[in-house]
Amino acid sequence: MPLIGFSGSPFTLACYMIEGQGGTDFATVKKMLYQRPDLLHHILATNARAVTDYLNAQIQAGAQAVMIFDTWGGALSHAAYQEFSLRYMQEIVANLQREHHGATVPVTLFTKGGGNWLEAMAATGCDALGLDWTVNIGSARSRVGDQVALQGNLDPAILLSDPDTVRNEVAKVLASYGSGNGHVFNLGHGISQFTPPENAAAMIEAVHTLSRPYHVTGI
């Protein structure tokens, strides 16, 4: 079974550090961003070094792939995202150990609400992009081509419905991506604690069954 390591992104970690809790608008963080960008950059640079060390330690401990979760980068403006979120994720990617015991260690970037920046994210040197459920995966594929793999992107709320609905929605995601390699099926964000286990099982079964016609064989 593959072992996947992960960490929050420097910006997402800063949101929790500065606000002291979760939130939606992160007004305190944004106030600092505009009034004291120097201070926020200092925090983000510190976080980036810590995340790099943390992920490299996971790789040394046996993680076969790692993922950076930028849960709150999508709350930023276009320019602010580039400066305060993506810049530091790119720095992490550049300093990660990408091979361990002779095997490549892929890196996935995920920004919730980051559909506007897929091309910029793909240009960081990562191996895959995580997509939330607001992005059409077929359109995302046409935008980034074969530069990176795509991971996603079923709406987690679908798992609160019923097995037949789950199966139908899985089919839509698979059809949108289409035939070929480079798709890692996943939810578009975290699973709800209220998800009936039988619906999660239905999703897994549907992916195994319905994805077969889309596989490229002989490669």
N, C-alpha and C. Protein backbone atom coordinates (compact mmCIF):
# COMPACT_ATOMS: atom_id res chain seq x y z
N MET A 1 0.84 -1.19 0.00
CA MET A 1 0.00 0.00 0.00
C MET A 1 0.89 1.25 0.00
N PRO A 2 0.68 2.17 -0.95
CA PRO A 2 1.51 3.39 -1.00
C PRO A 2 1.35 4.23 0.28
N LEU A 3 2.44 4.82 0.68
CA LEU A 3 2.44 5.70 1.84
C LEU A 3 2.62 7.14 1.36
N ILE A 4 1.63 7.99 1.62
CA ILE A 4 1.64 9.37 1.14
C ILE A 4 1.83 10.31 2.31
N GLY A 5 2.85 11.17 2.22
CA GLY A 5 3.07 12.18 3.23
C GLY A 5 2.39 13.49 2.85
N PHE A 6 2.15 14.34 3.82
CA PHE A 6 1.49 15.60 3.50
C PHE A 6 1.82 16.67 4.53
N SER A 7 1.55 17.92 4.12
CA SER A 7 1.67 19.06 5.01
C SER A 7 0.76 20.16 4.51
N GLY A 8 0.35 21.02 5.41
CA GLY A 8 -0.29 22.25 5.00
C GLY A 8 0.72 23.15 4.32
N SER A 9 0.23 24.06 3.48
CA SER A 9 1.12 25.01 2.80
C SER A 9 1.54 26.10 3.77
N PRO A 10 2.61 26.82 3.46
CA PRO A 10 3.02 27.92 4.33
C PRO A 10 1.91 28.94 4.57
N PHE A 11 1.14 29.28 3.53
CA PHE A 11 0.08 30.27 3.73
C PHE A 11 -1.04 29.71 4.58
N THR A 12 -1.46 28.49 4.32
CA THR A 12 -2.54 27.90 5.13
C THR A 12 -2.13 27.78 6.59
N LEU A 13 -0.91 27.35 6.84
CA LEU A 13 -0.43 27.28 8.23
C LEU A 13 -0.40 28.66 8.87
N ALA A 14 -0.01 29.67 8.09
CA ALA A 14 0.02 31.04 8.62
C ALA A 14 -1.38 31.51 9.00
N CYS A 15 -2.38 31.12 8.21
CA CYS A 15 -3.75 31.51 8.53
C CYS A 15 -4.14 31.02 9.92
N TYR A 16 -3.86 29.76 10.20
CA TYR A 16 -4.21 29.21 11.51
C TYR A 16 -3.35 29.81 12.62
N MET A 17 -2.10 30.06 12.34
CA MET A 17 -1.20 30.63 13.34
C MET A 17 -1.63 32.04 13.74
N ILE A 18 -1.98 32.84 12.74
CA ILE A 18 -2.28 34.25 13.00
C ILE A 18 -3.69 34.43 13.52
N GLU A 19 -4.64 33.72 12.94
CA GLU A 19 -6.03 33.84 13.38
C GLU A 19 -6.29 33.10 14.69
N GLY A 20 -5.53 32.04 14.92
CA GLY A 20 -5.74 31.24 16.13
C GLY A 20 -6.91 30.29 16.03
N GLN A 21 -7.50 30.18 14.83
CA GLN A 21 -8.65 29.31 14.62
C GLN A 21 -8.92 29.22 13.12
N GLY A 22 -9.85 28.34 12.75
CA GLY A 22 -10.28 28.30 11.36
C GLY A 22 -11.14 29.50 11.04
N GLY A 23 -11.50 29.64 9.79
CA GLY A 23 -12.32 30.77 9.40
C GLY A 23 -12.63 30.74 7.93
N THR A 24 -13.22 31.84 7.44
CA THR A 24 -13.56 31.94 6.02
C THR A 24 -12.97 33.18 5.37
N ASP A 25 -12.93 34.30 6.12
CA ASP A 25 -12.43 35.54 5.50
C ASP A 25 -10.99 35.85 5.88
N PHE A 26 -10.52 35.33 7.01
CA PHE A 26 -9.14 35.53 7.47
C PHE A 26 -8.76 37.02 7.42
N ALA A 27 -9.59 37.82 8.04
CA ALA A 27 -9.42 39.27 7.99
C ALA A 27 -8.10 39.71 8.63
N THR A 28 -7.70 39.07 9.72
CA THR A 28 -6.46 39.46 10.39
C THR A 28 -5.25 39.18 9.50
N VAL A 29 -5.27 38.01 8.83
CA VAL A 29 -4.17 37.67 7.93
C VAL A 29 -4.11 38.65 6.77
N LYS A 30 -5.26 38.97 6.20
CA LYS A 30 -5.27 39.87 5.04
C LYS A 30 -4.86 41.29 5.44
N LYS A 31 -5.25 41.69 6.64
CA LYS A 31 -4.81 43.00 7.12
C LYS A 31 -3.29 43.05 7.20
N MET A 32 -2.69 41.99 7.75
CA MET A 32 -1.23 41.92 7.82
C MET A 32 -0.62 41.90 6.43
N LEU A 33 -1.25 41.17 5.52
CA LEU A 33 -0.73 41.05 4.16
C LEU A 33 -0.57 42.41 3.50
N TYR A 34 -1.56 43.29 3.71
CA TYR A 34 -1.53 44.59 3.07
C TYR A 34 -0.79 45.66 3.89
N GLN A 35 -0.87 45.56 5.22
CA GLN A 35 -0.23 46.58 6.05
C GLN A 35 1.21 46.22 6.43
N ARG A 36 1.47 44.94 6.66
CA ARG A 36 2.81 44.49 7.06
C ARG A 36 3.25 43.30 6.22
N PRO A 37 3.36 43.47 4.92
CA PRO A 37 3.78 42.34 4.08
C PRO A 37 5.13 41.78 4.48
N ASP A 38 6.01 42.64 5.01
CA ASP A 38 7.32 42.17 5.45
C ASP A 38 7.20 41.14 6.56
N LEU A 39 6.28 41.38 7.49
CA LEU A 39 6.08 40.46 8.60
C LEU A 39 5.48 39.14 8.11
N LEU A 40 4.49 39.24 7.23
CA LEU A 40 3.89 38.01 6.71
C LEU A 40 4.90 37.21 5.90
N HIS A 41 5.72 37.89 5.12
CA HIS A 41 6.75 37.17 4.37
C HIS A 41 7.73 36.47 5.31
N HIS A 42 8.04 37.09 6.43
CA HIS A 42 8.93 36.45 7.40
C HIS A 42 8.29 35.17 7.93
N ILE A 43 7.00 35.24 8.26
CA ILE A 43 6.30 34.05 8.75
C ILE A 43 6.26 32.97 7.68
N LEU A 44 5.96 33.36 6.45
CA LEU A 44 5.84 32.39 5.36
C LEU A 44 7.19 31.75 5.04
N ALA A 45 8.26 32.53 5.07
CA ALA A 45 9.58 31.97 4.82
C ALA A 45 9.96 30.95 5.90
N THR A 46 9.62 31.27 7.15
CA THR A 46 9.87 30.34 8.25
C THR A 46 9.06 29.06 8.07
N ASN A 47 7.78 29.23 7.71
CA ASN A 47 6.93 28.07 7.47
C ASN A 47 7.45 27.22 6.32
N ALA A 48 7.91 27.87 5.26
CA ALA A 48 8.40 27.12 4.09
C ALA A 48 9.60 26.25 4.45
N ARG A 49 10.50 26.79 5.26
CA ARG A 49 11.65 25.99 5.68
C ARG A 49 11.20 24.82 6.54
N ALA A 50 10.24 25.07 7.43
CA ALA A 50 9.75 24.01 8.31
C ALA A 50 9.03 22.93 7.51
N VAL A 51 8.20 23.33 6.55
CA VAL A 51 7.47 22.35 5.74
C VAL A 51 8.44 21.52 4.90
N THR A 52 9.44 22.18 4.34
CA THR A 52 10.44 21.45 3.56
C THR A 52 11.13 20.39 4.42
N ASP A 53 11.57 20.78 5.60
CA ASP A 53 12.23 19.83 6.50
C ASP A 53 11.27 18.71 6.91
N TYR A 54 10.02 19.08 7.17
CA TYR A 54 9.01 18.11 7.61
C TYR A 54 8.74 17.08 6.52
N LEU A 55 8.55 17.54 5.27
CA LEU A 55 8.27 16.60 4.18
C LEU A 55 9.48 15.75 3.85
N ASN A 56 10.66 16.35 3.89
CA ASN A 56 11.87 15.55 3.64
C ASN A 56 12.05 14.48 4.71
N ALA A 57 11.69 14.80 5.94
CA ALA A 57 11.76 13.79 7.01
C ALA A 57 10.76 12.67 6.74
N GLN A 58 9.58 13.01 6.23
CA GLN A 58 8.60 11.97 5.90
C GLN A 58 9.12 11.08 4.77
N ILE A 59 9.79 11.71 3.79
CA ILE A 59 10.36 10.92 2.69
C ILE A 59 11.45 9.98 3.22
N GLN A 60 12.29 10.50 4.10
CA GLN A 60 13.33 9.66 4.69
C GLN A 60 12.73 8.51 5.49
N ALA A 61 11.54 8.74 6.06
CA ALA A 61 10.88 7.72 6.87
C ALA A 61 10.07 6.74 6.03
N GLY A 62 10.03 6.96 4.71
CA GLY A 62 9.36 5.98 3.85
C GLY A 62 8.20 6.48 3.03
N ALA A 63 7.82 7.77 3.14
CA ALA A 63 6.73 8.28 2.31
C ALA A 63 7.13 8.17 0.84
N GLN A 64 6.24 7.61 0.02
CA GLN A 64 6.54 7.37 -1.39
C GLN A 64 6.04 8.50 -2.30
N ALA A 65 5.26 9.38 -1.74
CA ALA A 65 4.79 10.58 -2.44
C ALA A 65 4.41 11.58 -1.36
N VAL A 66 4.44 12.87 -1.71
CA VAL A 66 4.04 13.89 -0.73
C VAL A 66 3.10 14.88 -1.40
N MET A 67 2.28 15.51 -0.55
CA MET A 67 1.28 16.46 -1.05
C MET A 67 1.26 17.69 -0.15
N ILE A 68 1.17 18.86 -0.78
CA ILE A 68 1.09 20.13 -0.06
C ILE A 68 -0.33 20.66 -0.19
N PHE A 69 -1.00 20.84 0.94
CA PHE A 69 -2.39 21.27 0.96
C PHE A 69 -2.46 22.78 1.22
N ASP A 70 -2.87 23.50 0.22
CA ASP A 70 -3.05 24.95 0.35
C ASP A 70 -4.55 25.23 0.46
N THR A 71 -5.10 24.95 1.62
CA THR A 71 -6.56 25.02 1.78
C THR A 71 -7.09 26.42 1.63
N TRP A 72 -6.31 27.44 2.00
CA TRP A 72 -6.85 28.80 2.02
C TRP A 72 -6.23 29.74 1.01
N GLY A 73 -5.36 29.25 0.14
CA GLY A 73 -4.79 30.12 -0.89
C GLY A 73 -5.83 30.68 -1.84
N GLY A 74 -6.91 29.95 -2.04
CA GLY A 74 -7.97 30.41 -2.94
C GLY A 74 -8.72 31.61 -2.43
N ALA A 75 -8.50 32.00 -1.18
CA ALA A 75 -9.15 33.20 -0.63
C ALA A 75 -8.42 34.47 -1.01
N LEU A 76 -7.26 34.33 -1.67
CA LEU A 76 -6.43 35.48 -2.00
C LEU A 76 -6.77 36.05 -3.37
N SER A 77 -6.41 37.31 -3.58
CA SER A 77 -6.52 37.90 -4.90
C SER A 77 -5.49 37.26 -5.82
N HIS A 78 -5.61 37.53 -7.12
CA HIS A 78 -4.69 36.93 -8.08
C HIS A 78 -3.23 37.27 -7.75
N ALA A 79 -2.95 38.54 -7.56
CA ALA A 79 -1.58 38.95 -7.28
C ALA A 79 -1.10 38.43 -5.93
N ALA A 80 -1.97 38.48 -4.93
CA ALA A 80 -1.58 38.03 -3.58
C ALA A 80 -1.31 36.53 -3.57
N TYR A 81 -2.07 35.77 -4.33
CA TYR A 81 -1.82 34.33 -4.38
C TYR A 81 -0.42 34.04 -4.91
N GLN A 82 -0.05 34.72 -5.98
CA GLN A 82 1.27 34.50 -6.56
C GLN A 82 2.38 34.84 -5.56
N GLU A 83 2.20 35.94 -4.84
CA GLU A 83 3.27 36.43 -3.96
C GLU A 83 3.32 35.72 -2.62
N PHE A 84 2.15 35.43 -2.04
CA PHE A 84 2.13 34.96 -0.66
C PHE A 84 1.84 33.47 -0.51
N SER A 85 1.39 32.81 -1.57
CA SER A 85 1.13 31.38 -1.47
C SER A 85 1.98 30.57 -2.43
N LEU A 86 1.78 30.80 -3.74
CA LEU A 86 2.46 29.96 -4.73
C LEU A 86 3.97 30.08 -4.64
N ARG A 87 4.46 31.27 -4.41
CA ARG A 87 5.91 31.49 -4.31
C ARG A 87 6.56 30.55 -3.29
N TYR A 88 5.92 30.37 -2.17
CA TYR A 88 6.51 29.56 -1.11
C TYR A 88 6.32 28.07 -1.36
N MET A 89 5.24 27.70 -2.03
CA MET A 89 5.09 26.29 -2.41
C MET A 89 6.14 25.92 -3.45
N GLN A 90 6.40 26.83 -4.38
CA GLN A 90 7.44 26.56 -5.38
C GLN A 90 8.81 26.40 -4.72
N GLU A 91 9.06 27.20 -3.70
CA GLU A 91 10.32 27.09 -2.96
C GLU A 91 10.43 25.72 -2.31
N ILE A 92 9.34 25.23 -1.75
CA ILE A 92 9.35 23.91 -1.12
C ILE A 92 9.64 22.83 -2.16
N VAL A 93 8.90 22.89 -3.29
CA VAL A 93 9.09 21.89 -4.34
C VAL A 93 10.56 21.84 -4.78
N ALA A 94 11.18 23.00 -4.90
CA ALA A 94 12.56 23.08 -5.36
C ALA A 94 13.55 22.46 -4.37
N ASN A 95 13.15 22.35 -3.11
CA ASN A 95 14.08 21.87 -2.08
C ASN A 95 13.70 20.53 -1.48
N LEU A 96 12.73 19.87 -2.08
CA LEU A 96 12.35 18.55 -1.60
C LEU A 96 13.26 17.48 -2.18
N GLN A 97 13.43 16.42 -1.41
CA GLN A 97 14.14 15.24 -1.89
C GLN A 97 13.20 14.52 -2.85
N ARG A 98 13.58 14.41 -4.12
CA ARG A 98 12.68 13.86 -5.12
C ARG A 98 12.98 12.40 -5.47
N GLU A 99 13.94 11.82 -4.77
CA GLU A 99 14.26 10.42 -4.99
C GLU A 99 14.69 9.81 -3.67
N HIS A 100 14.26 8.58 -3.42
CA HIS A 100 14.64 7.90 -2.18
C HIS A 100 14.78 6.42 -2.48
N HIS A 101 15.93 5.86 -2.15
CA HIS A 101 16.23 4.44 -2.40
C HIS A 101 15.99 4.08 -3.85
N GLY A 102 16.37 4.97 -4.75
CA GLY A 102 16.26 4.70 -6.18
C GLY A 102 14.91 4.92 -6.79
N ALA A 103 13.93 5.33 -6.00
CA ALA A 103 12.57 5.55 -6.52
C ALA A 103 12.24 7.03 -6.52
N THR A 104 11.53 7.48 -7.55
CA THR A 104 11.09 8.86 -7.63
C THR A 104 10.01 9.12 -6.58
N VAL A 105 10.05 10.29 -5.96
CA VAL A 105 9.04 10.68 -4.98
C VAL A 105 8.21 11.82 -5.58
N PRO A 106 7.02 11.55 -6.10
CA PRO A 106 6.20 12.60 -6.72
C PRO A 106 5.69 13.59 -5.69
N VAL A 107 5.48 14.82 -6.16
CA VAL A 107 4.97 15.90 -5.32
C VAL A 107 3.67 16.44 -5.93
N THR A 108 2.63 16.53 -5.13
CA THR A 108 1.34 17.07 -5.57
C THR A 108 1.07 18.38 -4.86
N LEU A 109 0.62 19.38 -5.61
CA LEU A 109 0.16 20.64 -5.04
C LEU A 109 -1.35 20.72 -5.13
N PHE A 110 -1.97 21.21 -4.07
CA PHE A 110 -3.42 21.39 -4.06
C PHE A 110 -3.75 22.75 -3.46
N THR A 111 -4.44 23.58 -4.23
CA THR A 111 -4.99 24.82 -3.70
C THR A 111 -6.50 24.77 -3.85
N LYS A 112 -7.21 24.74 -2.75
CA LYS A 112 -8.66 24.79 -2.81
C LYS A 112 -9.07 26.16 -3.35
N GLY A 113 -9.92 26.15 -4.38
CA GLY A 113 -10.30 27.40 -5.02
C GLY A 113 -9.23 27.93 -5.94
N GLY A 114 -8.30 27.08 -6.36
CA GLY A 114 -7.16 27.52 -7.15
C GLY A 114 -7.30 27.32 -8.65
N GLY A 115 -8.53 27.16 -9.13
CA GLY A 115 -8.73 26.88 -10.55
C GLY A 115 -8.19 27.94 -11.48
N ASN A 116 -8.06 29.19 -11.01
CA ASN A 116 -7.53 30.25 -11.87
C ASN A 116 -6.03 30.14 -12.12
N TRP A 117 -5.35 29.32 -11.33
CA TRP A 117 -3.89 29.32 -11.35
C TRP A 117 -3.28 27.98 -11.72
N LEU A 118 -4.00 27.13 -12.40
CA LEU A 118 -3.50 25.79 -12.69
C LEU A 118 -2.20 25.82 -13.48
N GLU A 119 -2.13 26.69 -14.50
CA GLU A 119 -0.92 26.75 -15.30
C GLU A 119 0.28 27.19 -14.47
N ALA A 120 0.08 28.17 -13.60
CA ALA A 120 1.17 28.64 -12.75
C ALA A 120 1.58 27.57 -11.74
N MET A 121 0.62 26.85 -11.22
CA MET A 121 0.93 25.77 -10.29
C MET A 121 1.72 24.65 -10.98
N ALA A 122 1.30 24.32 -12.20
CA ALA A 122 1.98 23.26 -12.94
C ALA A 122 3.42 23.64 -13.26
N ALA A 123 3.69 24.94 -13.35
CA ALA A 123 5.03 25.41 -13.70
C ALA A 123 5.99 25.41 -12.52
N THR A 124 5.54 25.02 -11.33
CA THR A 124 6.41 25.02 -10.15
C THR A 124 7.41 23.88 -10.16
N GLY A 125 7.18 22.89 -11.01
CA GLY A 125 8.04 21.70 -10.98
C GLY A 125 7.41 20.54 -10.24
N CYS A 126 6.16 20.69 -9.82
CA CYS A 126 5.47 19.58 -9.15
C CYS A 126 5.13 18.50 -10.17
N ASP A 127 4.71 17.35 -9.68
CA ASP A 127 4.36 16.23 -10.55
C ASP A 127 2.87 16.10 -10.78
N ALA A 128 2.06 16.64 -9.88
CA ALA A 128 0.61 16.50 -9.99
C ALA A 128 -0.07 17.69 -9.33
N LEU A 129 -1.29 17.97 -9.79
CA LEU A 129 -2.13 19.00 -9.19
C LEU A 129 -3.39 18.37 -8.62
N GLY A 130 -3.72 18.72 -7.39
CA GLY A 130 -5.01 18.35 -6.83
C GLY A 130 -6.05 19.38 -7.25
N LEU A 131 -7.24 18.92 -7.61
CA LEU A 131 -8.32 19.80 -8.05
C LEU A 131 -9.49 19.70 -7.10
N ASP A 132 -10.08 20.86 -6.75
CA ASP A 132 -11.31 20.80 -5.97
C ASP A 132 -12.48 20.58 -6.92
N TRP A 133 -13.68 20.49 -6.36
CA TRP A 133 -14.85 20.11 -7.16
C TRP A 133 -15.41 21.24 -8.00
N THR A 134 -14.88 22.45 -7.86
CA THR A 134 -15.38 23.58 -8.65
C THR A 134 -14.73 23.63 -10.04
N VAL A 135 -13.74 22.77 -10.28
CA VAL A 135 -13.01 22.77 -11.55
C VAL A 135 -13.48 21.61 -12.40
N ASN A 136 -13.71 21.85 -13.68
CA ASN A 136 -14.00 20.77 -14.61
C ASN A 136 -12.68 20.09 -14.95
N ILE A 137 -12.58 18.81 -14.64
CA ILE A 137 -11.30 18.13 -14.78
C ILE A 137 -10.89 17.99 -16.25
N GLY A 138 -11.86 17.88 -17.15
CA GLY A 138 -11.54 17.84 -18.56
C GLY A 138 -10.94 19.13 -19.05
N SER A 139 -11.50 20.25 -18.61
CA SER A 139 -10.94 21.56 -18.96
C SER A 139 -9.55 21.74 -18.36
N ALA A 140 -9.39 21.29 -17.12
CA ALA A 140 -8.08 21.38 -16.48
C ALA A 140 -7.05 20.58 -17.26
N ARG A 141 -7.44 19.42 -17.73
CA ARG A 141 -6.52 18.59 -18.51
C ARG A 141 -6.08 19.29 -19.79
N SER A 142 -7.03 19.95 -20.45
CA SER A 142 -6.68 20.64 -21.69
C SER A 142 -5.77 21.84 -21.43
N ARG A 143 -5.87 22.42 -20.24
CA ARG A 143 -5.05 23.58 -19.91
C ARG A 143 -3.60 23.21 -19.58
N VAL A 144 -3.40 22.11 -18.87
CA VAL A 144 -2.04 21.75 -18.45
C VAL A 144 -1.43 20.64 -19.29
N GLY A 145 -2.23 20.02 -20.15
CA GLY A 145 -1.71 18.96 -21.00
C GLY A 145 -1.13 17.82 -20.20
N ASP A 146 0.01 17.31 -20.67
CA ASP A 146 0.66 16.20 -19.96
C ASP A 146 1.80 16.69 -19.07
N GLN A 147 1.77 18.00 -18.76
CA GLN A 147 2.83 18.56 -17.92
C GLN A 147 2.80 17.98 -16.52
N VAL A 148 1.59 17.74 -16.00
CA VAL A 148 1.42 17.16 -14.67
C VAL A 148 0.24 16.20 -14.70
N ALA A 149 0.21 15.30 -13.73
CA ALA A 149 -0.98 14.48 -13.51
C ALA A 149 -2.02 15.30 -12.77
N LEU A 150 -3.25 14.84 -12.79
CA LEU A 150 -4.35 15.53 -12.09
C LEU A 150 -4.98 14.59 -11.08
N GLN A 151 -5.23 15.12 -9.91
CA GLN A 151 -5.86 14.35 -8.84
C GLN A 151 -7.19 14.99 -8.48
N GLY A 152 -8.24 14.22 -8.46
CA GLY A 152 -9.55 14.76 -8.07
C GLY A 152 -10.67 14.08 -8.83
N ASN A 153 -11.82 14.68 -8.79
CA ASN A 153 -12.18 15.86 -8.01
C ASN A 153 -13.66 15.82 -7.66
N LEU A 154 -14.11 14.68 -7.13
CA LEU A 154 -15.51 14.48 -6.75
C LEU A 154 -15.86 15.36 -5.55
N ASP A 155 -17.01 16.01 -5.61
CA ASP A 155 -17.50 16.81 -4.49
C ASP A 155 -17.74 15.90 -3.29
N PRO A 156 -17.08 16.13 -2.15
CA PRO A 156 -17.27 15.26 -0.98
C PRO A 156 -18.72 15.16 -0.53
N ALA A 157 -19.51 16.20 -0.79
CA ALA A 157 -20.91 16.19 -0.35
C ALA A 157 -21.72 15.10 -1.05
N ILE A 158 -21.26 14.66 -2.21
CA ILE A 158 -21.96 13.59 -2.93
C ILE A 158 -22.00 12.32 -2.10
N LEU A 159 -20.98 12.13 -1.27
CA LEU A 159 -20.94 10.92 -0.44
C LEU A 159 -21.97 10.93 0.68
N LEU A 160 -22.69 12.02 0.82
CA LEU A 160 -23.78 12.08 1.81
C LEU A 160 -25.10 11.62 1.21
N SER A 161 -25.11 11.27 -0.08
CA SER A 161 -26.35 10.94 -0.77
C SER A 161 -26.66 9.45 -0.67
N ASP A 162 -26.46 8.71 -1.74
CA ASP A 162 -26.76 7.27 -1.76
C ASP A 162 -25.85 6.61 -2.78
N PRO A 163 -25.69 5.29 -2.72
CA PRO A 163 -24.73 4.61 -3.60
C PRO A 163 -24.98 4.82 -5.09
N ASP A 164 -26.23 4.84 -5.52
CA ASP A 164 -26.51 5.02 -6.95
C ASP A 164 -26.08 6.41 -7.42
N THR A 165 -26.38 7.42 -6.59
CA THR A 165 -25.96 8.78 -6.95
C THR A 165 -24.44 8.89 -6.97
N VAL A 166 -23.79 8.28 -6.01
CA VAL A 166 -22.33 8.29 -5.97
C VAL A 166 -21.77 7.68 -7.24
N ARG A 167 -22.31 6.55 -7.65
CA ARG A 167 -21.82 5.88 -8.85
C ARG A 167 -21.99 6.77 -10.09
N ASN A 168 -23.12 7.42 -10.21
CA ASN A 168 -23.38 8.29 -11.35
C ASN A 168 -22.42 9.47 -11.40
N GLU A 169 -22.12 10.03 -10.24
CA GLU A 169 -21.23 11.19 -10.19
C GLU A 169 -19.78 10.79 -10.45
N VAL A 170 -19.39 9.62 -9.97
CA VAL A 170 -18.06 9.09 -10.29
C VAL A 170 -17.91 8.94 -11.80
N ALA A 171 -18.95 8.42 -12.45
CA ALA A 171 -18.92 8.24 -13.90
C ALA A 171 -18.71 9.56 -14.62
N LYS A 172 -19.32 10.63 -14.12
CA LYS A 172 -19.18 11.94 -14.76
C LYS A 172 -17.74 12.45 -14.68
N VAL A 173 -17.11 12.28 -13.53
CA VAL A 173 -15.73 12.72 -13.37
C VAL A 173 -14.81 11.95 -14.31
N LEU A 174 -14.99 10.63 -14.36
CA LEU A 174 -14.15 9.80 -15.23
C LEU A 174 -14.35 10.17 -16.70
N ALA A 175 -15.59 10.40 -17.10
CA ALA A 175 -15.86 10.76 -18.49
C ALA A 175 -15.28 12.13 -18.83
N SER A 176 -15.32 13.04 -17.88
CA SER A 176 -14.79 14.38 -18.13
C SER A 176 -13.28 14.33 -18.37
N TYR A 177 -12.57 13.52 -17.59
CA TYR A 177 -11.12 13.39 -17.81
C TYR A 177 -10.85 12.67 -19.12
N GLY A 178 -11.56 11.59 -19.36
CA GLY A 178 -11.39 10.85 -20.60
C GLY A 178 -10.33 9.77 -20.51
N SER A 179 -9.99 9.23 -21.67
CA SER A 179 -9.04 8.12 -21.73
C SER A 179 -7.61 8.60 -21.55
N GLY A 180 -6.79 7.67 -21.09
CA GLY A 180 -5.38 7.98 -20.95
C GLY A 180 -4.89 7.90 -19.52
N ASN A 181 -3.61 8.13 -19.36
CA ASN A 181 -2.98 8.08 -18.05
C ASN A 181 -3.01 9.47 -17.40
N GLY A 182 -2.58 9.52 -16.16
CA GLY A 182 -2.40 10.81 -15.50
C GLY A 182 -3.55 11.27 -14.64
N HIS A 183 -4.53 10.41 -14.36
CA HIS A 183 -5.64 10.80 -13.49
C HIS A 183 -5.61 9.94 -12.24
N VAL A 184 -5.50 10.59 -11.09
CA VAL A 184 -5.61 9.93 -9.79
C VAL A 184 -6.97 10.32 -9.22
N PHE A 185 -7.92 9.40 -9.22
CA PHE A 185 -9.25 9.75 -8.74
C PHE A 185 -9.21 10.03 -7.24
N ASN A 186 -9.90 11.09 -6.84
CA ASN A 186 -9.94 11.46 -5.43
C ASN A 186 -11.11 12.40 -5.21
N LEU A 187 -11.38 12.69 -3.96
CA LEU A 187 -12.34 13.73 -3.63
C LEU A 187 -11.72 15.10 -3.92
N GLY A 188 -12.59 16.10 -4.06
CA GLY A 188 -12.12 17.45 -4.31
C GLY A 188 -11.71 18.19 -3.06
N HIS A 189 -11.87 17.59 -1.91
CA HIS A 189 -11.37 18.11 -0.63
C HIS A 189 -11.63 17.03 0.40
N GLY A 190 -11.56 17.34 1.69
CA GLY A 190 -11.66 16.34 2.73
C GLY A 190 -13.03 15.69 2.82
N ILE A 191 -13.05 14.46 3.28
CA ILE A 191 -14.29 13.72 3.45
C ILE A 191 -14.99 14.16 4.73
N SER A 192 -16.30 14.25 4.68
CA SER A 192 -17.09 14.64 5.86
C SER A 192 -17.15 13.48 6.86
N GLN A 193 -17.13 13.83 8.14
CA GLN A 193 -17.23 12.80 9.17
C GLN A 193 -18.61 12.16 9.20
N PHE A 194 -19.57 12.77 8.51
CA PHE A 194 -20.94 12.24 8.48
C PHE A 194 -21.17 11.32 7.28
N THR A 195 -20.13 11.02 6.52
CA THR A 195 -20.27 10.17 5.34
C THR A 195 -20.61 8.74 5.75
N PRO A 196 -21.70 8.17 5.22
CA PRO A 196 -21.98 6.75 5.48
C PRO A 196 -20.88 5.88 4.87
N PRO A 197 -20.33 4.96 5.63
CA PRO A 197 -19.25 4.12 5.10
C PRO A 197 -19.64 3.40 3.81
N GLU A 198 -20.90 3.01 3.67
CA GLU A 198 -21.30 2.29 2.46
C GLU A 198 -21.22 3.18 1.21
N ASN A 199 -21.34 4.50 1.40
CA ASN A 199 -21.21 5.40 0.26
C ASN A 199 -19.75 5.55 -0.16
N ALA A 200 -18.84 5.58 0.82
CA ALA A 200 -17.42 5.60 0.49
C ALA A 200 -17.03 4.31 -0.23
N ALA A 201 -17.57 3.19 0.23
CA ALA A 201 -17.29 1.90 -0.43
C ALA A 201 -17.85 1.90 -1.85
N ALA A 202 -19.02 2.50 -2.04
CA ALA A 202 -19.62 2.56 -3.38
C ALA A 202 -18.75 3.39 -4.32
N MET A 203 -18.15 4.47 -3.80
CA MET A 203 -17.26 5.28 -4.63
C MET A 203 -16.06 4.47 -5.08
N ILE A 204 -15.43 3.76 -4.16
CA ILE A 204 -14.24 2.98 -4.50
C ILE A 204 -14.58 1.90 -5.52
N GLU A 205 -15.70 1.23 -5.31
CA GLU A 205 -16.11 0.18 -6.25
C GLU A 205 -16.39 0.76 -7.62
N ALA A 206 -17.05 1.92 -7.66
CA ALA A 206 -17.37 2.56 -8.93
C ALA A 206 -16.11 2.97 -9.68
N VAL A 207 -15.13 3.51 -8.97
CA VAL A 207 -13.88 3.89 -9.63
C VAL A 207 -13.20 2.66 -10.22
N HIS A 208 -13.11 1.58 -9.45
CA HIS A 208 -12.47 0.37 -9.94
C HIS A 208 -13.17 -0.18 -11.18
N THR A 209 -14.49 -0.15 -11.16
CA THR A 209 -15.26 -0.75 -12.25
C THR A 209 -15.36 0.17 -13.47
N LEU A 210 -15.73 1.41 -13.23
CA LEU A 210 -16.04 2.31 -14.34
C LEU A 210 -14.80 2.90 -15.01
N SER A 211 -13.65 2.86 -14.34
CA SER A 211 -12.45 3.46 -14.94
C SER A 211 -11.79 2.54 -15.96
N ARG A 212 -12.12 1.27 -15.98
CA ARG A 212 -11.42 0.32 -16.84
C ARG A 212 -11.45 0.69 -18.33
N PRO A 213 -12.58 1.13 -18.86
CA PRO A 213 -12.58 1.48 -20.30
C PRO A 213 -11.68 2.68 -20.64
N TYR A 214 -11.30 3.47 -19.64
CA TYR A 214 -10.48 4.65 -19.89
C TYR A 214 -8.98 4.38 -19.79
N HIS A 215 -8.61 3.18 -19.32
CA HIS A 215 -7.20 2.87 -19.13
C HIS A 215 -6.50 2.70 -20.47
N VAL A 216 -5.24 3.13 -20.51
CA VAL A 216 -4.40 2.90 -21.66
C VAL A 216 -3.53 1.69 -21.35
N THR A 217 -3.65 0.64 -22.13
CA THR A 217 -2.90 -0.58 -21.85
C THR A 217 -1.67 -0.66 -22.74
N GLY A 218 -0.77 -1.53 -22.34
CA GLY A 218 0.44 -1.75 -23.13
C GLY A 218 1.50 -0.70 -22.96
N ILE A 219 1.41 0.11 -21.85
CA ILE A 219 2.41 1.16 -21.61
C ILE A 219 3.23 0.77 -20.37
